Protein backbone atom coordinates (compact mmCIF):
# COMPACT_ATOMS: atom_id res chain seq x y z
CA MET A 1 -0.05 0.00 -0.05
CA TYR A 2 2.81 2.38 0.98
CA LYS A 3 4.56 1.69 -2.31
CA ILE A 4 1.58 2.51 -4.63
CA THR A 5 1.16 5.74 -2.68
CA LEU A 6 4.76 6.77 -3.01
CA VAL A 7 4.93 5.61 -6.77
CA LEU A 8 1.71 7.91 -7.25
CA LEU A 9 3.24 10.96 -5.12
CA LEU A 10 6.38 10.50 -7.21
CA SER A 11 4.76 10.54 -10.48
CA TRP A 12 2.52 13.57 -9.65
CA LEU A 13 5.45 15.60 -8.42
CA SER A 14 7.55 14.84 -11.58
CA SER A 15 4.71 15.71 -13.92
CA ASP A 16 4.05 18.95 -12.00
CA ALA A 17 7.58 19.74 -11.99
CA ASN A 18 7.67 19.28 -15.92
CA SER A 19 4.79 21.61 -16.43
CA GLN A 20 6.94 24.34 -14.89
CA GLN A 21 9.76 24.13 -17.07
CA VAL A 22 10.69 26.88 -19.82
CA ASP A 23 10.44 25.96 -23.36
CA PRO A 24 13.92 26.84 -24.74
CA THR A 25 12.45 27.06 -28.34
CA LYS A 26 10.27 29.99 -27.42
CA PRO A 27 10.90 33.00 -29.48
CA PHE A 28 12.78 35.89 -27.60
CA GLY A 29 9.87 38.24 -25.98
CA PHE A 30 7.12 35.64 -25.92
CA LEU A 31 4.99 35.79 -22.99
CA ALA A 32 2.75 33.04 -22.45
CA SER A 33 -0.96 34.25 -21.33
CA THR A 34 -2.96 32.14 -18.99
CA SER A 35 -6.17 34.52 -19.46
CA SER A 36 -6.41 36.45 -22.87
CA ASN A 37 -9.30 38.30 -21.71
CA ASN A 38 -7.80 39.93 -18.49
CA ASP A 39 -4.64 41.01 -19.96
CA ARG A 40 -5.69 42.75 -23.01
CA THR A 41 -3.38 45.72 -22.41
CA ALA A 42 -0.26 43.68 -22.37
CA LEU A 43 1.61 45.03 -25.36
CA ILE A 44 5.04 43.68 -26.77
CA LEU A 45 7.06 45.81 -28.95
CA GLN A 46 8.73 43.36 -31.38
CA SER A 47 10.47 45.46 -33.90
CA ILE A 48 10.97 48.84 -35.47
CA ILE A 49 11.23 49.33 -39.04
CA HIS A 50 12.84 52.46 -40.85
CA ARG A 51 12.83 52.44 -44.54
CA ASP A 52 12.68 55.45 -46.83
CA ASN A 53 12.38 58.01 -44.16
CA LYS A 54 9.21 56.31 -42.82
CA ARG A 55 8.64 54.06 -39.65
CA LYS A 56 6.46 51.22 -38.64
CA ALA A 57 6.36 49.24 -35.60
CA ILE A 58 5.46 45.78 -35.06
CA ILE A 59 3.34 45.41 -31.72
CA ASP A 60 1.98 41.62 -31.15
CA GLY A 61 2.77 40.63 -34.51
CA GLN A 62 0.75 43.60 -36.19
CA VAL A 63 2.56 45.89 -38.63
CA LEU A 64 1.47 49.60 -37.18
CA ASN A 65 1.88 53.12 -38.59
CA VAL A 66 1.56 56.23 -36.56
CA GLY A 67 -2.08 56.57 -36.28
CA ASP A 68 -3.19 53.07 -36.30
CA LYS A 69 -4.91 51.67 -33.28
CA HIS A 70 -4.32 48.35 -31.53
CA LYS A 71 -6.23 47.07 -28.44
CA GLY A 72 -7.62 50.15 -27.64
CA PHE A 73 -4.27 52.36 -28.12
CA GLU A 74 -3.41 54.70 -30.80
CA LEU A 75 0.09 54.62 -32.07
CA ILE A 76 1.34 58.37 -32.03
CA ALA A 77 5.00 58.07 -32.20
CA ILE A 78 7.79 55.75 -33.32
CA SER A 79 11.83 56.52 -32.70
CA SER A 80 14.59 54.25 -33.32
CA LYS A 81 14.33 52.86 -29.73
CA GLY A 82 10.69 52.82 -29.02
CA VAL A 83 6.91 53.79 -29.57
CA VAL A 84 4.39 56.16 -27.89
CA LEU A 85 0.86 54.85 -27.65
CA ASN A 86 -1.98 56.88 -26.23
CA SER A 87 -5.50 55.75 -24.89
CA SER A 88 -8.23 56.95 -23.03
CA GLN A 89 -6.20 55.93 -19.82
CA GLY A 90 -3.19 57.97 -20.93
CA LYS A 91 -0.03 57.44 -22.65
CA MET A 92 2.22 54.33 -22.61
CA GLU A 93 5.73 54.04 -23.79
CA LEU A 94 7.33 50.76 -25.21
CA SER A 95 10.91 50.15 -25.79
CA LEU A 96 12.55 47.62 -27.80
CA PHE A 97 15.04 46.70 -25.03
CA SER A 98 13.69 47.48 -21.97
CA GLY A 99 14.25 44.03 -20.21
CA VAL A 100 17.70 44.11 -21.36
CA ILE A 101 20.41 45.11 -18.79
CA ALA A 102 23.94 45.03 -20.04
CA ASN A 103 27.16 45.93 -17.77
CA SER A 104 30.39 46.61 -19.46
CA LYS A 105 33.61 46.63 -17.47
């Protein structure tokens, strides 16, 4: 009886540990969402395209120009390092490398 309980407990623990591991093949900047309705305003700036003196931003896989709207936000400015979005709640700035910290020695 104890052996069966121990085997079941160990199998449950190993399956729980495997579900918490990070997938090393996920693209950089990918965020998994557990609830798509609760986190509508989580925006990810993926790239800025500068060509022929025009700039475009890729946010959540959508190619946007200044003036375009996405998830209730209007894209009002694009710079070489980030974008500015406006909504009824106020302005939001997204930068390309906000999560990257580099120390040089």
